[in-house]
Amino acid sequence: MLCPNWGLQAIALLLISGIQNIEELMMKVEWATLLFFGALFILMEGLGELGLIDAIGTATSDAISDFPDESRKVGPGGPPFPPPLSRCARGHRSWAL
């Protein structure tokens, strides 16, 4: 939540920084990036309010829990990831060297 006097704080920061030309500062701002992230935050908040984020999380959790416990483990005690070279097709170069 924004502090009630955030505008005064922003003006104080501009005065302290010694910026003489506010128009030059505004030209340096990446407006497209700011608008993108602003729209992204609005979209994510809307999806959260609709319950879509929770639905995706629940569906993912259910899909993972459908597999046996042994196949969900990665590393010691479970199947290695990535698969060892011996499981790859003959003659096929694998990134899992």
Protein backbone atom coordinates (compact mmCIF):
# COMPACT_ATOMS: atom_id res chain seq x y z
CA MET A 1 0.00 0.00 0.00
CA LEU A 2 1.29 3.44 -0.89
CA CYS A 3 2.08 5.92 1.80
CA PRO A 4 -0.43 8.81 1.77
CA ASN A 5 2.29 11.35 1.00
CA TRP A 6 4.05 9.42 -1.79
CA GLY A 7 3.67 12.38 -4.15
CA LEU A 8 5.52 14.67 -1.77
CA GLN A 9 8.25 12.07 -1.36
CA ALA A 10 8.65 11.78 -5.14
CA ILE A 11 8.94 15.55 -5.49
CA ALA A 12 11.49 15.66 -2.66
CA LEU A 13 13.56 12.97 -4.40
CA LEU A 14 13.49 14.94 -7.66
CA LEU A 15 14.62 18.10 -5.87
CA ILE A 16 17.39 16.28 -3.97
CA SER A 17 18.70 14.57 -7.12
CA GLY A 18 19.23 17.93 -8.80
CA ILE A 19 17.45 17.12 -12.03
CA GLN A 20 17.14 20.33 -14.01
CA ASN A 21 15.20 19.13 -17.04
CA ILE A 22 12.20 16.96 -16.22
CA GLU A 23 11.41 16.53 -19.93
CA GLU A 24 14.81 14.90 -20.50
CA LEU A 25 14.13 12.53 -17.61
CA MET A 26 10.74 11.60 -19.07
CA MET A 27 12.36 10.85 -22.44
CA LYS A 28 14.65 8.29 -20.77
CA VAL A 29 11.80 6.34 -19.17
CA GLU A 30 10.97 2.98 -20.79
CA TRP A 31 7.25 3.64 -21.07
CA ALA A 32 6.53 0.47 -23.05
CA THR A 33 8.08 -1.67 -20.30
CA LEU A 34 6.19 0.16 -17.56
CA LEU A 35 2.91 -0.23 -19.42
CA PHE A 36 3.60 -3.92 -20.05
CA PHE A 37 4.23 -4.67 -16.39
CA GLY A 38 1.29 -2.54 -15.31
CA ALA A 39 -1.01 -4.47 -17.64
CA LEU A 40 0.53 -7.76 -16.50
CA PHE A 41 -0.15 -6.97 -12.84
CA ILE A 42 -3.73 -5.97 -13.65
CA LEU A 43 -4.24 -9.19 -15.64
CA MET A 44 -2.81 -11.37 -12.87
CA GLU A 45 -4.97 -9.66 -10.25
CA GLY A 46 -8.05 -10.22 -12.41
CA LEU A 47 -7.18 -13.89 -12.94
CA GLY A 48 -6.64 -14.27 -9.21
CA GLU A 49 -10.03 -12.71 -8.45
CA LEU A 50 -11.69 -15.06 -10.93
CA GLY A 51 -10.04 -18.04 -9.24
CA LEU A 52 -8.23 -19.16 -12.37
CA ILE A 53 -4.80 -19.18 -10.72
CA ASP A 54 -6.09 -21.46 -7.95
CA ALA A 55 -7.80 -23.71 -10.51
CA ILE A 56 -4.56 -24.09 -12.50
CA GLY A 57 -2.63 -24.85 -9.31
CA THR A 58 -5.17 -27.43 -8.20
CA ALA A 59 -5.26 -29.08 -11.63
CA THR A 60 -1.46 -29.24 -11.72
CA SER A 61 -1.29 -30.68 -8.22
CA ASP A 62 -3.92 -33.30 -9.09
CA ALA A 63 -2.08 -34.26 -12.28
CA ILE A 64 1.18 -34.70 -10.37
CA SER A 65 -0.46 -36.69 -7.57
CA ASP A 66 -1.86 -39.15 -10.15
CA PHE A 67 1.68 -40.52 -10.62
CA PRO A 68 3.13 -42.99 -8.10
CA ASP A 69 5.40 -41.50 -5.44
CA GLU A 70 8.45 -43.34 -6.79
CA SER A 71 8.17 -41.71 -10.21
CA ARG A 72 7.82 -38.21 -8.74
CA LYS A 73 11.22 -38.28 -7.05
CA VAL A 74 14.15 -36.76 -8.87
CA GLY A 75 17.68 -37.62 -7.88
CA PRO A 76 18.72 -40.19 -5.26
CA GLY A 77 16.00 -42.75 -4.72
CA GLY A 78 14.13 -41.92 -7.90
CA PRO A 79 14.64 -41.91 -11.62
CA PRO A 80 17.51 -39.66 -12.69
CA PHE A 81 16.79 -36.51 -14.63
CA PRO A 82 17.87 -36.12 -17.35
CA PRO A 83 17.88 -39.74 -18.51
CA PRO A 84 21.28 -41.38 -18.79
CA LEU A 85 22.85 -41.81 -22.20
CA SER A 86 22.19 -45.59 -22.10
CA ARG A 87 18.44 -44.93 -22.37
CA CYS A 88 18.81 -42.75 -25.45
CA ALA A 89 18.49 -44.08 -28.97
CA ARG A 90 21.66 -45.48 -30.51
CA GLY A 91 23.57 -42.92 -32.47
CA HIS A 92 21.53 -40.10 -30.98
CA ARG A 93 23.60 -37.49 -29.19
CA SER A 94 21.92 -36.52 -25.97
CA TRP A 95 22.28 -33.38 -23.88
CA ALA A 96 22.44 -35.74 -20.89
CA LEU A 97 26.05 -36.75 -21.39
